[in-house]
Amino acid sequence: MPYHLHFGEADPLRIRFAISPLWETHSAVRVLARPRQQAYHLPWMRRIAGAARELDLRPLHLLMPRSGHSPDFLYPPPLGPAASFEDEIEAVRETDPALVLDDFRRALADTPGAAESPEGRRLLADPAGAVGRLADLLALAWEALVAPDWPRLRALLEADVAHHARRLAEGGLERLLGEVHPSFAWDAGTATLTVDYNGDHIRPLDGQGLVLMPSVFTWPDVVSGFDPPWQPTVVYPARGIGGLWSEAGGRTPEVLARLLGPVRADVLCALEEPTGTTALAHRLGRAPSSVSAHLSVLRDAGLLTSRRYGHQVLYERTPLGIAVSQPDAM
């Protein structure tokens, strides 16, 4: 059964995008519980295998049924468009224990035998203490599994947001909601967004609006079903995941390298999606100061454009930059 999100008069004015490092951490842990379902992330899984073995992720995996409820309090929708992991994990630690116990019961009930297991009984006996233990475990998972690649992940997520922001400007809300993901369907007559997925969830937005959140590790699923008091949210797979773990080398045309210089040509060709300086430097394995200098030159030459997103500046190729970076155009 699908999700049905009913918009009121004010809700279309309160749609926003957000990026959540906490959500990516939780979803990365879920990927490790079912690695065969996540072929796109095999390079990442091979690289972090040693670090993952050092973590006891079983308490989190117990709360991740194959289908059914997962505790909303462990990954609440972010308050801002680009919340830090530290801010998000602090919100987890401050969760009302009464909400936690209900979440535990619902999640454990969706896995046969989970509530009667030693860890399940421990969670139910001391929900307040469990919050601290689970938050500590998520913090360890963030540092070991996600933080080393966060510049790359954040760049892809921000590129997705930038793409959909442009589509909103070009075609309006109805077009945006019809294009974010193939499972989305917008009914203007009833002002309802229907998400076709394995779930049965009906929620009036009641003036809270809707958070649309791209995710790397959620692929191929779309996730919603957040109940009050949590912000109505839909999490969907970000664009460009297929090339996420590919290396940057080997895609710069030789003639372009002779024209611009090899490093500057690499910078131009690496900008397949809007990207910030830090993420681009991480991708190319170069110092941010060096990449920043080359970006400035390319922008002054009319090959790039830049705009601010949150606390950083995203660079994107202009039509001229796209033309000169293509082998056939040289």
C-alpha atoms as a PDB file:
ATOM      1  CA  MET A   1       0.000   0.000   0.000  1.00  0.00           C
ATOM      2  CA  PRO A   2       1.291   3.500  -0.754  1.00  0.00           C
ATOM      3  CA  TYR A   3       1.954   6.558   1.348  1.00  0.00           C
ATOM      4  CA  HIS A   4      -0.626   9.362   1.039  1.00  0.00           C
ATOM      5  CA  LEU A   5       0.474  12.852   2.108  1.00  0.00           C
ATOM      6  CA  HIS A   6      -2.407  15.346   2.087  1.00  0.00           C
ATOM      7  CA  PHE A   7      -1.520  19.010   1.548  1.00  0.00           C
ATOM      8  CA  GLY A   8      -3.416  21.880   3.106  1.00  0.00           C
ATOM      9  CA  GLU A   9      -3.515  25.431   1.827  1.00  0.00           C
ATOM     10  CA  ALA A  10      -0.226  26.482   3.459  1.00  0.00           C
ATOM     11  CA  ASP A  11       1.770  23.291   2.895  1.00  0.00           C
ATOM     12  CA  PRO A  12       2.967  23.943  -0.680  1.00  0.00           C
ATOM     13  CA  LEU A  13       4.668  27.068   0.637  1.00  0.00           C
ATOM     14  CA  ARG A  14       6.556  25.005   3.218  1.00  0.00           C
ATOM     15  CA  ILE A  15       8.241  22.377   1.089  1.00  0.00           C
ATOM     16  CA  ARG A  16      11.986  22.273   1.577  1.00  0.00           C
ATOM     17  CA  PHE A  17      14.947  20.031   0.893  1.00  0.00           C
ATOM     18  CA  ALA A  18      17.330  18.802   3.576  1.00  0.00           C
ATOM     19  CA  ILE A  19      20.469  16.696   3.901  1.00  0.00           C
ATOM     20  CA  SER A  20      21.083  14.526   6.948  1.00  0.00           C
ATOM     21  CA  PRO A  21      24.436  12.949   7.918  1.00  0.00           C
ATOM     22  CA  LEU A  22      22.603  11.080  10.692  1.00  0.00           C
ATOM     23  CA  TRP A  23      20.197   9.533   8.190  1.00  0.00           C
ATOM     24  CA  GLU A  24      23.115   8.471   5.980  1.00  0.00           C
ATOM     25  CA  THR A  25      24.815   6.885   8.978  1.00  0.00           C
ATOM     26  CA  HIS A  26      21.719   4.942   9.961  1.00  0.00           C
ATOM     27  CA  SER A  27      21.162   3.866   6.344  1.00  0.00           C
ATOM     28  CA  ALA A  28      24.807   2.830   5.970  1.00  0.00           C
ATOM     29  CA  VAL A  29      24.390   0.571   9.000  1.00  0.00           C
ATOM     30  CA  ARG A  30      21.300  -0.911   7.369  1.00  0.00           C
ATOM     31  CA  VAL A  31      23.260  -1.563   4.156  1.00  0.00           C
ATOM     32  CA  LEU A  32      25.769  -3.602   6.158  1.00  0.00           C
ATOM     33  CA  ALA A  33      22.914  -5.707   7.525  1.00  0.00           C
ATOM     34  CA  ARG A  34      21.821  -6.649   3.979  1.00  0.00           C
ATOM     35  CA  PRO A  35      24.876  -6.193   1.725  1.00  0.00           C
ATOM     36  CA  ARG A  36      23.589  -8.321  -1.159  1.00  0.00           C
ATOM     37  CA  GLN A  37      20.869  -5.751  -1.859  1.00  0.00           C
ATOM     38  CA  GLN A  38      23.337  -2.912  -2.359  1.00  0.00           C
ATOM     39  CA  ALA A  39      25.544  -3.638  -5.365  1.00  0.00           C
ATOM     40  CA  TYR A  40      26.210   0.066  -5.975  1.00  0.00           C
ATOM     41  CA  HIS A  41      28.020   0.332  -2.647  1.00  0.00           C
ATOM     42  CA  LEU A  42      30.362  -2.661  -2.949  1.00  0.00           C
ATOM     43  CA  PRO A  43      33.520  -0.490  -3.283  1.00  0.00           C
ATOM     44  CA  TRP A  44      32.572   1.323  -0.090  1.00  0.00           C
ATOM     45  CA  MET A  45      31.732  -1.915   1.734  1.00  0.00           C
ATOM     46  CA  ARG A  46      35.100  -3.438   0.812  1.00  0.00           C
ATOM     47  CA  ARG A  47      36.962  -0.356   2.024  1.00  0.00           C
ATOM     48  CA  ILE A  48      35.217  -0.053   5.400  1.00  0.00           C
ATOM     49  CA  ALA A  49      35.014  -3.799   6.105  1.00  0.00           C
ATOM     50  CA  GLY A  50      37.777  -3.678   8.704  1.00  0.00           C
ATOM     51  CA  ALA A  51      36.285  -0.700  10.524  1.00  0.00           C
ATOM     52  CA  ALA A  52      32.831  -2.292  10.473  1.00  0.00           C
ATOM     53  CA  ARG A  53      34.160  -5.454  12.114  1.00  0.00           C
ATOM     54  CA  GLU A  54      35.335  -3.343  15.053  1.00  0.00           C
ATOM     55  CA  LEU A  55      31.764  -2.193  15.759  1.00  0.00           C
ATOM     56  CA  ASP A  56      29.019  -4.227  17.395  1.00  0.00           C
ATOM     57  CA  LEU A  57      26.099  -3.066  15.273  1.00  0.00           C
ATOM     58  CA  ARG A  58      23.689  -5.746  16.486  1.00  0.00           C
ATOM     59  CA  PRO A  59      21.600  -3.424  18.714  1.00  0.00           C
ATOM     60  CA  LEU A  60      20.921  -1.176  15.700  1.00  0.00           C
ATOM     61  CA  HIS A  61      20.316  -4.096  13.347  1.00  0.00           C
ATOM     62  CA  LEU A  62      17.745  -5.488  15.780  1.00  0.00           C
ATOM     63  CA  LEU A  63      15.716  -2.308  15.274  1.00  0.00           C
ATOM     64  CA  MET A  64      15.860  -2.548  11.476  1.00  0.00           C
ATOM     65  CA  PRO A  65      13.184  -5.082  10.452  1.00  0.00           C
ATOM     66  CA  ARG A  66      13.160  -6.183   6.818  1.00  0.00           C
ATOM     67  CA  SER A  67       9.705  -4.631   6.543  1.00  0.00           C
ATOM     68  CA  GLY A  68       7.732  -2.653   9.048  1.00  0.00           C
ATOM     69  CA  HIS A  69       8.556   0.033  11.569  1.00  0.00           C
ATOM     70  CA  SER A  70      11.989   1.440  12.362  1.00  0.00           C
ATOM     71  CA  PRO A  71      12.317   3.843  15.311  1.00  0.00           C
ATOM     72  CA  ASP A  72      11.744   7.382  14.069  1.00  0.00           C
ATOM     73  CA  PHE A  73      13.642   8.922  16.990  1.00  0.00           C
ATOM     74  CA  LEU A  74      16.938   7.387  15.791  1.00  0.00           C
ATOM     75  CA  TYR A  75      16.907   9.484  12.605  1.00  0.00           C
ATOM     76  CA  PRO A  76      14.449  12.368  13.016  1.00  0.00           C
ATOM     77  CA  PRO A  77      14.066  14.684  10.018  1.00  0.00           C
ATOM     78  CA  PRO A  78      16.702  17.426  10.308  1.00  0.00           C
ATOM     79  CA  LEU A  79      15.622  20.813  11.590  1.00  0.00           C
ATOM     80  CA  GLY A  80      17.604  22.714   8.965  1.00  0.00           C
ATOM     81  CA  PRO A  81      18.660  22.163   5.352  1.00  0.00           C
ATOM     82  CA  ALA A  82      22.205  21.115   6.269  1.00  0.00           C
ATOM     83  CA  ALA A  83      22.331  20.100   9.924  1.00  0.00           C
ATOM     84  CA  SER A  84      25.608  18.767  11.324  1.00  0.00           C
ATOM     85  CA  PHE A  85      25.901  15.237  12.646  1.00  0.00           C
ATOM     86  CA  GLU A  86      26.657  16.652  16.096  1.00  0.00           C
ATOM     87  CA  ASP A  87      23.418  18.653  16.130  1.00  0.00           C
ATOM     88  CA  GLU A  88      21.390  15.685  14.956  1.00  0.00           C
ATOM     89  CA  ILE A  89      22.822  13.158  17.405  1.00  0.00           C
ATOM     90  CA  GLU A  90      22.249  15.602  20.248  1.00  0.00           C
ATOM     91  CA  ALA A  91      18.564  15.724  19.265  1.00  0.00           C
ATOM     92  CA  VAL A  92      18.492  11.911  19.492  1.00  0.00           C
ATOM     93  CA  ARG A  93      19.930  12.009  22.999  1.00  0.00           C
ATOM     94  CA  GLU A  94      17.215  14.432  24.096  1.00  0.00           C
ATOM     95  CA  THR A  95      14.303  12.269  22.905  1.00  0.00           C
ATOM     96  CA  ASP A  96      11.399  11.785  25.334  1.00  0.00           C
ATOM     97  CA  PRO A  97      11.721   8.242  26.810  1.00  0.00           C
ATOM     98  CA  ALA A  98       7.964   7.753  26.376  1.00  0.00           C
ATOM     99  CA  LEU A  99       8.360   8.090  22.596  1.00  0.00           C
ATOM    100  CA  VAL A 100      11.342   5.755  22.671  1.00  0.00           C
ATOM    101  CA  LEU A 101       9.501   2.890  24.353  1.00  0.00           C
ATOM    102  CA  ASP A 102       6.681   2.974  21.809  1.00  0.00           C
ATOM    103  CA  ASP A 103       9.206   3.016  18.953  1.00  0.00           C
ATOM    104  CA  PHE A 104      11.048   0.035  20.441  1.00  0.00           C
ATOM    105  CA  ARG A 105       7.886  -2.001  20.849  1.00  0.00           C
ATOM    106  CA  ARG A 106       6.721  -1.372  17.293  1.00  0.00           C
ATOM    107  CA  ALA A 107      10.115  -2.113  15.721  1.00  0.00           C
ATOM    108  CA  LEU A 108      10.779  -5.265  17.740  1.00  0.00           C
ATOM    109  CA  ALA A 109       7.291  -6.584  16.990  1.00  0.00           C
ATOM    110  CA  ASP A 110       8.116  -6.587  13.260  1.00  0.00           C
ATOM    111  CA  THR A 111      10.977  -9.098  13.684  1.00  0.00           C
ATOM    112  CA  PRO A 112       9.926 -12.497  15.056  1.00  0.00           C
ATOM    113  CA  GLY A 113      11.607 -13.199  18.382  1.00  0.00           C
ATOM    114  CA  ALA A 114      13.320  -9.803  18.622  1.00  0.00           C
ATOM    115  CA  ALA A 115      11.420  -8.629  21.713  1.00  0.00           C
ATOM    116  CA  GLU A 116      12.309 -11.847  23.581  1.00  0.00           C
ATOM    117  CA  SER A 117      16.009 -11.705  22.681  1.00  0.00           C
ATOM    118  CA  PRO A 118      18.479 -10.545  25.382  1.00  0.00           C
ATOM    119  CA  GLU A 119      19.094  -7.243  23.606  1.00  0.00           C
ATOM    120  CA  GLY A 120      15.383  -6.745  22.970  1.00  0.00           C
ATOM    121  CA  ARG A 121      14.562  -7.237  26.639  1.00  0.00           C
ATOM    122  CA  ARG A 122      17.357  -4.834  27.563  1.00  0.00           C
ATOM    123  CA  LEU A 123      15.974  -2.144  25.267  1.00  0.00           C
ATOM    124  CA  LEU A 124      12.462  -2.483  26.653  1.00  0.00           C
ATOM    125  CA  ALA A 125      13.581  -2.606  30.299  1.00  0.00           C
ATOM    126  CA  ASP A 126      15.579   0.637  30.159  1.00  0.00           C
ATOM    127  CA  PRO A 127      14.550   2.790  27.182  1.00  0.00           C
ATOM    128  CA  ALA A 128      16.174   5.942  28.570  1.00  0.00           C
ATOM    129  CA  GLY A 129      19.513   4.182  28.996  1.00  0.00           C
ATOM    130  CA  ALA A 130      19.153   2.591  25.578  1.00  0.00           C
ATOM    131  CA  VAL A 131      18.928   6.027  23.966  1.00  0.00           C
ATOM    132  CA  GLY A 132      22.418   6.903  25.187  1.00  0.00           C
ATOM    133  CA  ARG A 133      23.879   3.550  24.136  1.00  0.00           C
ATOM    134  CA  LEU A 134      22.358   3.701  20.669  1.00  0.00           C
ATOM    135  CA  ALA A 135      23.421   7.326  20.200  1.00  0.00           C
ATOM    136  CA  ASP A 136      26.977   6.403  21.178  1.00  0.00           C
ATOM    137  CA  LEU A 137      26.925   3.536  18.691  1.00  0.00           C
ATOM    138  CA  LEU A 138      25.627   5.783  15.919  1.00  0.00           C
ATOM    139  CA  ALA A 139      28.399   8.273  16.699  1.00  0.00           C
ATOM    140  CA  LEU A 140      31.006   5.515  16.360  1.00  0.00           C
ATOM    141  CA  ALA A 141      29.412   4.359  13.115  1.00  0.00           C
ATOM    142  CA  TRP A 142      29.487   7.917  11.758  1.00  0.00           C
ATOM    143  CA  GLU A 143      33.196   8.323  12.486  1.00  0.00           C
ATOM    144  CA  ALA A 144      34.200   4.900  11.149  1.00  0.00           C
ATOM    145  CA  LEU A 145      31.855   4.357   8.208  1.00  0.00           C
ATOM    146  CA  VAL A 146      30.547   7.652   6.854  1.00  0.00           C
ATOM    147  CA  ALA A 147      32.617  10.664   7.952  1.00  0.00           C
ATOM    148  CA  PRO A 148      35.708   9.741   5.845  1.00  0.00           C
ATOM    149  CA  ASP A 149      33.548   9.875   2.699  1.00  0.00           C
ATOM    150  CA  TRP A 150      31.189  12.647   3.780  1.00  0.00           C
ATOM    151  CA  PRO A 151      32.637  15.325   1.430  1.00  0.00           C
ATOM    152  CA  ARG A 152      31.935  13.026  -1.535  1.00  0.00           C
ATOM    153  CA  LEU A 153      28.486  12.034  -0.258  1.00  0.00           C
ATOM    154  CA  ARG A 154      27.514  15.583   0.593  1.00  0.00           C
ATOM    155  CA  ALA A 155      28.561  16.782  -2.868  1.00  0.00           C
ATOM    156  CA  LEU A 156      26.283  14.256  -4.542  1.00  0.00           C
ATOM    157  CA  LEU A 157      23.376  15.081  -2.217  1.00  0.00           C
ATOM    158  CA  GLU A 158      23.802  18.823  -2.734  1.00  0.00           C
ATOM    159  CA  ALA A 159      23.959  18.300  -6.485  1.00  0.00           C
ATOM    160  CA  ASP A 160      20.633  16.484  -6.309  1.00  0.00           C
ATOM    161  CA  VAL A 161      19.076  19.340  -4.340  1.00  0.00           C
ATOM    162  CA  ALA A 162      20.461  21.889  -6.811  1.00  0.00           C
ATOM    163  CA  HIS A 163      19.022  19.923  -9.743  1.00  0.00           C
ATOM    164  CA  HIS A 164      15.546  19.738  -8.252  1.00  0.00           C
ATOM    165  CA  ALA A 165      15.654  23.393  -7.201  1.00  0.00           C
ATOM    166  CA  ARG A 166      16.240  24.288 -10.844  1.00  0.00           C
ATOM    167  CA  ARG A 167      13.373  22.037 -11.922  1.00  0.00           C
ATOM    168  CA  LEU A 168      11.112  23.755  -9.400  1.00  0.00           C
ATOM    169  CA  ALA A 169      12.065  27.140 -10.823  1.00  0.00           C
ATOM    170  CA  GLU A 170      11.443  25.935 -14.379  1.00  0.00           C
ATOM    171  CA  GLY A 171       8.213  24.022 -13.944  1.00  0.00           C
ATOM    172  CA  GLY A 172       6.679  24.730 -10.550  1.00  0.00           C
ATOM    173  CA  LEU A 173       5.669  22.485  -7.686  1.00  0.00           C
ATOM    174  CA  GLU A 174       3.522  20.067  -9.686  1.00  0.00           C
ATOM    175  CA  ARG A 175       6.388  19.290 -12.040  1.00  0.00           C
ATOM    176  CA  LEU A 176       8.852  18.934  -9.188  1.00  0.00           C
ATOM    177  CA  LEU A 177       6.734  16.414  -7.295  1.00  0.00           C
ATOM    178  CA  GLY A 178       6.207  14.437 -10.465  1.00  0.00           C
ATOM    179  CA  GLU A 179       9.931  14.177 -11.182  1.00  0.00           C
ATOM    180  CA  VAL A 180      11.697  13.650  -7.858  1.00  0.00           C
ATOM    181  CA  HIS A 181      11.202   9.887  -8.097  1.00  0.00           C
ATOM    182  CA  PRO A 182       9.223   7.542 -10.388  1.00  0.00           C
ATOM    183  CA  SER A 183       7.144   6.387  -7.417  1.00  0.00           C
ATOM    184  CA  PHE A 184       5.813   9.933  -6.813  1.00  0.00           C
ATOM    185  CA  ALA A 185       2.369  10.900  -8.111  1.00  0.00           C
ATOM    186  CA  TRP A 186       0.782  14.300  -7.518  1.00  0.00           C
ATOM    187  CA  ASP A 187      -2.987  14.685  -7.642  1.00  0.00           C
ATOM    188  CA  ALA A 188      -3.808  18.380  -7.952  1.00  0.00           C
ATOM    189  CA  GLY A 189      -7.516  17.742  -7.449  1.00  0.00           C
ATOM    190  CA  THR A 190      -7.094  16.303  -3.966  1.00  0.00           C
ATOM    191  CA  ALA A 191      -3.746  18.034  -3.243  1.00  0.00           C
ATOM    192  CA  THR A 192      -2.248  14.649  -2.386  1.00  0.00           C
ATOM    193  CA  LEU A 193       1.257  13.312  -2.946  1.00  0.00           C
ATOM    194  CA  THR A 194       1.122   9.532  -3.288  1.00  0.00           C
ATOM    195  CA  VAL A 195       4.334   7.529  -2.966  1.00  0.00           C
ATOM    196  CA  ASP A 196       3.998   4.010  -4.326  1.00  0.00           C
ATOM    197  CA  TYR A 197       5.944   1.809  -1.943  1.00  0.00           C
ATOM    198  CA  ASN A 198       5.550  -1.034   0.538  1.00  0.00           C
ATOM    199  CA  GLY A 199       3.785   0.796   3.301  1.00  0.00           C
ATOM    200  CA  ASP A 200       0.381   1.991   4.399  1.00  0.00           C
ATOM    201  CA  HIS A 201       0.590   5.527   5.684  1.00  0.00           C
ATOM    202  CA  ILE A 202      -1.861   8.417   5.501  1.00  0.00           C
ATOM    203  CA  ARG A 203      -0.856  11.762   6.932  1.00  0.00           C
ATOM    204  CA  PRO A 204      -2.315  15.249   6.624  1.00  0.00           C
ATOM    205  CA  LEU A 205       0.552  17.745   6.613  1.00  0.00           C
ATOM    206  CA  ASP A 206      -1.513  20.221   8.677  1.00  0.00           C
ATOM    207  CA  GLY A 207       0.572  23.254   7.774  1.00  0.00           C
ATOM    208  CA  GLN A 208       3.941  21.674   8.605  1.00  0.00           C
ATOM    209  CA  GLY A 209       4.895  21.369   4.957  1.00  0.00           C
ATOM    210  CA  LEU A 210       7.082  18.556   3.669  1.00  0.00           C
ATOM    211  CA  VAL A 211      10.799  17.800   3.800  1.00  0.00           C
ATOM    212  CA  LEU A 212      12.236  16.125   0.694  1.00  0.00           C
ATOM    213  CA  MET A 213      15.512  14.442   1.550  1.00  0.00           C
ATOM    214  CA  PRO A 214      17.869  12.818  -0.973  1.00  0.00           C
ATOM    215  CA  SER A 215      19.876   9.876   0.324  1.00  0.00           C
ATOM    216  CA  VAL A 216      22.812   7.822  -0.889  1.00  0.00           C
ATOM    217  CA  PHE A 217      22.444   4.669   1.188  1.00  0.00           C
ATOM    218  CA  THR A 218      18.636   4.469   1.018  1.00  0.00           C
ATOM    219  CA  TRP A 219      18.774   3.321  -2.639  1.00  0.00           C
ATOM    220  CA  PRO A 220      16.653   1.799  -4.117  1.00  0.00           C
ATOM    221  CA  ASP A 221      13.947   2.506  -1.536  1.00  0.00           C
ATOM    222  CA  VAL A 222      11.738   5.506  -0.899  1.00  0.00           C
ATOM    223  CA  VAL A 223      10.988   6.019   2.797  1.00  0.00           C
ATOM    224  CA  SER A 224       8.253   7.971   4.527  1.00  0.00           C
ATOM    225  CA  GLY A 225       5.783   7.051   7.244  1.00  0.00           C
ATOM    226  CA  PHE A 226       7.041   9.504   9.865  1.00  0.00           C
ATOM    227  CA  ASP A 227       4.305   9.912  12.459  1.00  0.00           C
ATOM    228  CA  PRO A 228       3.675  12.915  14.732  1.00  0.00           C
ATOM    229  CA  PRO A 229       5.491  14.570  16.401  1.00  0.00           C
ATOM    230  CA  TRP A 230       8.058  14.151  13.618  1.00  0.00           C
ATOM    231  CA  GLN A 231       8.143  16.454  10.606  1.00  0.00           C
ATOM    232  CA  PRO A 232       6.455  14.943   7.504  1.00  0.00           C
ATOM    233  CA  THR A 233       9.321  13.750   5.306  1.00  0.00           C
ATOM    234  CA  VAL A 234       9.986  11.669   2.208  1.00  0.00           C
ATOM    235  CA  VAL A 235      13.467  10.225   1.686  1.00  0.00           C
ATOM    236  CA  TYR A 236      14.358   9.234  -1.870  1.00  0.00           C
ATOM    237  CA  PRO A 237      17.495   7.945  -3.677  1.00  0.00           C
ATOM    238  CA  ALA A 238      19.751  10.760  -4.865  1.00  0.00           C
ATOM    239  CA  ARG A 239      20.632  11.103  -8.527  1.00  0.00           C
ATOM    240  CA  GLY A 240      24.055   9.906  -9.699  1.00  0.00           C
ATOM    241  CA  ILE A 241      24.594   7.049  -7.249  1.00  0.00           C
ATOM    242  CA  GLY A 242      25.831   4.760 -10.044  1.00  0.00           C
ATOM    243  CA  GLY A 243      29.055   6.751 -10.405  1.00  0.00           C
ATOM    244  CA  LEU A 244      29.475   7.654  -6.740  1.00  0.00           C
ATOM    245  CA  TRP A 245      32.415   5.389  -5.966  1.00  0.00           C
ATOM    246  CA  SER A 246      34.189   5.675  -9.337  1.00  0.00           C
ATOM    247  CA  GLU A 247      37.582   7.337  -9.391  1.00  0.00           C
ATOM    248  CA  ALA A 248      38.069  10.738 -10.969  1.00  0.00           C
ATOM    249  CA  GLY A 249      41.089   9.802 -13.073  1.00  0.00           C
ATOM    250  CA  GLY A 250      41.075   8.824 -16.723  1.00  0.00           C
ATOM    251  CA  ARG A 251      38.303  11.114 -17.939  1.00  0.00           C
ATOM    252  CA  THR A 252      40.207  14.269 -18.917  1.00  0.00           C
ATOM    253  CA  PRO A 253      40.748  14.627 -22.675  1.00  0.00           C
ATOM    254  CA  GLU A 254      44.432  14.976 -23.534  1.00  0.00           C
ATOM    255  CA  VAL A 255      43.820  17.924 -25.820  1.00  0.00           C
ATOM    256  CA  LEU A 256      42.007  19.758 -23.007  1.00  0.00           C
ATOM    257  CA  ALA A 257      44.919  19.094 -20.653  1.00  0.00           C
ATOM    258  CA  ARG A 258      47.277  20.659 -23.202  1.00  0.00           C
ATOM    259  CA  LEU A 259      44.990  23.670 -23.529  1.00  0.00           C
ATOM    260  CA  LEU A 260      44.278  24.385 -19.855  1.00  0.00           C
ATOM    261  CA  GLY A 261      47.001  22.468 -18.061  1.00  0.00           C
ATOM    262  CA  PRO A 262      46.418  18.991 -16.584  1.00  0.00           C
ATOM    263  CA  VAL A 263      45.255  20.050 -13.131  1.00  0.00           C
ATOM    264  CA  ARG A 264      42.885  22.742 -14.314  1.00  0.00           C
ATOM    265  CA  ALA A 265      41.472  20.390 -16.936  1.00  0.00           C
ATOM    266  CA  ASP A 266      40.928  17.727 -14.260  1.00  0.00           C
ATOM    267  CA  VAL A 267      39.042  20.259 -12.134  1.00  0.00           C
ATOM    268  CA  LEU A 268      36.783  21.222 -15.043  1.00  0.00           C
ATOM    269  CA  CYS A 269      36.051  17.628 -16.059  1.00  0.00           C
ATOM    270  CA  ALA A 270      35.377  16.522 -12.467  1.00  0.00           C
ATOM    271  CA  LEU A 271      32.482  18.977 -12.172  1.00  0.00           C
ATOM    272  CA  GLU A 272      29.846  16.637 -13.580  1.00  0.00           C
ATOM    273  CA  GLU A 273      27.448  17.931 -10.905  1.00  0.00           C
ATOM    274  CA  PRO A 274      27.484  21.151  -8.830  1.00  0.00           C
ATOM    275  CA  THR A 275      30.238  20.660  -6.255  1.00  0.00           C
ATOM    276  CA  GLY A 276      31.977  22.619  -3.512  1.00  0.00           C
ATOM    277  CA  THR A 277      35.718  23.182  -3.187  1.00  0.00           C
ATOM    278  CA  THR A 278      36.293  20.739  -0.319  1.00  0.00           C
ATOM    279  CA  ALA A 279      34.399  17.876  -1.964  1.00  0.00           C
ATOM    280  CA  LEU A 280      36.141  18.464  -5.282  1.00  0.00           C
ATOM    281  CA  ALA A 281      39.553  18.531  -3.604  1.00  0.00           C
ATOM    282  CA  HIS A 282      38.719  15.275  -1.840  1.00  0.00           C
ATOM    283  CA  ARG A 283      37.650  13.694  -5.120  1.00  0.00           C
ATOM    284  CA  LEU A 284      40.814  14.780  -6.951  1.00  0.00           C
ATOM    285  CA  GLY A 285      43.192  14.154  -4.061  1.00  0.00           C
ATOM    286  CA  ARG A 286      44.497  17.737  -4.088  1.00  0.00           C
ATOM    287  CA  ALA A 287      44.773  20.569  -1.587  1.00  0.00           C
ATOM    288  CA  PRO A 288      41.597  22.693  -1.276  1.00  0.00           C
ATOM    289  CA  SER A 289      43.634  25.882  -1.704  1.00  0.00           C
ATOM    290  CA  SER A 290      44.979  24.653  -5.051  1.00  0.00           C
ATOM    291  CA  VAL A 291      41.550  23.560  -6.278  1.00  0.00           C
ATOM    292  CA  SER A 292      40.048  26.875  -5.164  1.00  0.00           C
ATOM    293  CA  ALA A 293      42.595  28.824  -7.204  1.00  0.00           C
ATOM    294  CA  HIS A 294      41.862  26.806 -10.343  1.00  0.00           C
ATOM    295  CA  LEU A 295      38.118  27.171  -9.818  1.00  0.00           C
ATOM    296  CA  SER A 296      38.494  30.948  -9.689  1.00  0.00           C
ATOM    297  CA  VAL A 297      40.412  31.008 -12.965  1.00  0.00           C
ATOM    298  CA  LEU A 298      37.886  28.748 -14.699  1.00  0.00           C
ATOM    299  CA  ARG A 299      35.021  30.903 -13.436  1.00  0.00           C
ATOM    300  CA  ASP A 300      36.703  34.107 -14.624  1.00  0.00           C
ATOM    301  CA  ALA A 301      37.162  32.474 -18.035  1.00  0.00           C
ATOM    302  CA  GLY A 302      33.423  31.819 -18.282  1.00  0.00           C
ATOM    303  CA  LEU A 303      33.746  28.027 -18.016  1.00  0.00           C
ATOM    304  CA  LEU A 304      32.140  27.816 -14.560  1.00  0.00           C
ATOM    305  CA  THR A 305      29.474  29.580 -12.576  1.00  0.00           C
ATOM    306  CA  SER A 306      29.137  29.631  -8.793  1.00  0.00           C
ATOM    307  CA  ARG A 307      26.363  30.138  -6.266  1.00  0.00           C
ATOM    308  CA  ARG A 308      26.024  29.853  -2.536  1.00  0.00           C
ATOM    309  CA  TYR A 309      24.258  26.897  -0.908  1.00  0.00           C
ATOM    310  CA  GLY A 310      24.128  27.059   2.884  1.00  0.00           C
ATOM    311  CA  HIS A 311      27.632  27.715   4.177  1.00  0.00           C
ATOM    312  CA  GLN A 312      29.494  26.821   1.010  1.00  0.00           C
ATOM    313  CA  VAL A 313      29.820  27.785  -2.640  1.00  0.00           C
ATOM    314  CA  LEU A 314      28.880  25.287  -5.353  1.00  0.00           C
ATOM    315  CA  TYR A 315      30.597  25.411  -8.751  1.00  0.00           C
ATOM    316  CA  GLU A 316      28.955  24.235 -11.965  1.00  0.00           C
ATOM    317  CA  ARG A 317      30.040  24.155 -15.602  1.00  0.00           C
ATOM    318  CA  THR A 318      28.512  26.732 -17.933  1.00  0.00           C
ATOM    319  CA  PRO A 319      27.356  25.682 -21.435  1.00  0.00           C
ATOM    320  CA  LEU A 320      30.796  26.753 -22.678  1.00  0.00           C
ATOM    321  CA  GLY A 321      32.470  24.708 -19.941  1.00  0.00           C
ATOM    322  CA  ILE A 322      30.397  21.666 -20.876  1.00  0.00           C
ATOM    323  CA  ALA A 323      31.307  22.088 -24.543  1.00  0.00           C
ATOM    324  CA  VAL A 324      35.070  22.317 -24.057  1.00  0.00           C
ATOM    325  CA  SER A 325      35.146  19.427 -21.571  1.00  0.00           C
ATOM    326  CA  GLN A 326      33.671  16.997 -24.130  1.00  0.00           C
ATOM    327  CA  PRO A 327      36.204  15.136 -26.270  1.00  0.00           C
ATOM    328  CA  ASP A 328      34.136  15.538 -29.432  1.00  0.00           C
ATOM    329  CA  ALA A 329      33.871  19.271 -28.957  1.00  0.00           C
ATOM    330  CA  MET A 330      37.610  19.911 -29.056  1.00  0.00           C
END
